[in-house]
C-alpha atoms as a PDB file:
ATOM      1  CA  MET A   1       0.000   0.000   0.000  1.00  0.00           C
ATOM      2  CA  HIS A   2       1.348   3.425  -0.988  1.00  0.00           C
ATOM      3  CA  ARG A   3       1.840   5.772   1.939  1.00  0.00           C
ATOM      4  CA  GLN A   4      -0.040   9.065   1.621  1.00  0.00           C
ATOM      5  CA  PRO A   5       1.624  11.690   3.813  1.00  0.00           C
ATOM      6  CA  TYR A   6      -0.729  14.231   5.347  1.00  0.00           C
ATOM      7  CA  TYR A   7       1.956  16.926   5.582  1.00  0.00           C
ATOM      8  CA  PRO A   8       3.343  18.331   2.312  1.00  0.00           C
ATOM      9  CA  ARG A   9       6.939  17.511   1.490  1.00  0.00           C
ATOM     10  CA  GLN A  10       7.321  20.573  -0.720  1.00  0.00           C
ATOM     11  CA  MET A  11       8.064  23.727   1.289  1.00  0.00           C
ATOM     12  CA  GLY A  12       5.968  25.807  -1.092  1.00  0.00           C
ATOM     13  CA  GLU A  13       2.843  23.799  -0.251  1.00  0.00           C
ATOM     14  CA  ARG A  14       3.198  24.045   3.514  1.00  0.00           C
ATOM     15  CA  ALA A  15       1.932  27.618   3.932  1.00  0.00           C
ATOM     16  CA  GLU A  16      -1.371  26.633   2.321  1.00  0.00           C
ATOM     17  CA  TRP A  17      -1.535  23.507   4.507  1.00  0.00           C
ATOM     18  CA  HIS A  18      -1.097  25.550   7.698  1.00  0.00           C
ATOM     19  CA  THR A  19      -3.703  28.082   6.622  1.00  0.00           C
ATOM     20  CA  ASN A  20      -6.147  25.282   5.814  1.00  0.00           C
ATOM     21  CA  PHE A  21      -5.444  23.574   9.151  1.00  0.00           C
ATOM     22  CA  ALA A  22      -6.062  26.787  11.103  1.00  0.00           C
ATOM     23  CA  THR A  23      -9.279  27.398   9.190  1.00  0.00           C
ATOM     24  CA  LYS A  24     -10.720  23.907   9.713  1.00  0.00           C
ATOM     25  CA  LEU A  25      -9.554  23.051  13.250  1.00  0.00           C
ATOM     26  CA  PRO A  26     -12.262  25.065  15.048  1.00  0.00           C
ATOM     27  CA  GLY A  27     -14.927  23.088  13.190  1.00  0.00           C
ATOM     28  CA  TYR A  28     -13.527  19.800  14.521  1.00  0.00           C
ATOM     29  CA  ALA A  29     -12.682  20.950  18.058  1.00  0.00           C
ATOM     30  CA  THR A  30     -15.849  19.533  19.605  1.00  0.00           C
ATOM     31  CA  ASP A  31     -15.549  16.182  17.810  1.00  0.00           C
ATOM     32  CA  LEU A  32     -11.915  15.932  18.925  1.00  0.00           C
ATOM     33  CA  SER A  33     -12.765  16.977  22.505  1.00  0.00           C
ATOM     34  CA  LEU A  34     -10.291  19.846  22.372  1.00  0.00           C
ATOM     35  CA  THR A  35     -10.333  22.419  25.123  1.00  0.00           C
ATOM     36  CA  GLN A  36     -10.491  26.071  24.140  1.00  0.00           C
ATOM     37  CA  ALA A  37      -6.809  26.430  25.053  1.00  0.00           C
ATOM     38  CA  GLU A  38      -5.832  23.476  22.834  1.00  0.00           C
ATOM     39  CA  GLU A  39      -7.838  24.889  19.963  1.00  0.00           C
ATOM     40  CA  ASP A  40      -6.278  28.329  20.422  1.00  0.00           C
ATOM     41  CA  ASN A  41      -2.773  26.848  20.549  1.00  0.00           C
ATOM     42  CA  GLY A  42      -3.435  24.814  17.413  1.00  0.00           C
ATOM     43  CA  VAL A  43      -4.782  27.760  15.438  1.00  0.00           C
ATOM     44  CA  ALA A  44      -2.848  30.798  16.652  1.00  0.00           C
ATOM     45  CA  PRO A  45       0.558  30.238  15.075  1.00  0.00           C
ATOM     46  CA  SER A  46      -0.541  28.664  11.811  1.00  0.00           C
ATOM     47  CA  PRO A  47      -1.639  31.469   9.508  1.00  0.00           C
ATOM     48  CA  SER A  48       0.171  34.307  11.225  1.00  0.00           C
ATOM     49  CA  TRP A  49       3.841  33.406  11.166  1.00  0.00           C
ATOM     50  CA  ILE A  50       4.337  29.796  10.070  1.00  0.00           C
ATOM     51  CA  GLY A  51       2.859  30.398   6.631  1.00  0.00           C
ATOM     52  CA  GLN A  52       4.990  33.510   6.186  1.00  0.00           C
ATOM     53  CA  VAL A  53       8.188  31.777   7.259  1.00  0.00           C
ATOM     54  CA  ILE A  54       7.593  28.759   5.059  1.00  0.00           C
ATOM     55  CA  SER A  55       6.776  30.813   1.978  1.00  0.00           C
ATOM     56  CA  SER A  56       9.705  33.180   2.556  1.00  0.00           C
ATOM     57  CA  PRO A  57      12.483  32.743  -0.040  1.00  0.00           C
ATOM     58  CA  ASN A  58      15.252  32.991   2.599  1.00  0.00           C
END
């Protein structure tokens, strides 16, 4: 069976992945039994700085 990684190998695709993750996590927080603090910690860094760092050319 071919392994399908959930996290992009290409650096250029990771910013979009993090933005998508941060957008969708709040919708799954209840199903995953996440506390508000866990949800906030999972969402806060994703679109703000991780996406910028990953998409940065340097």
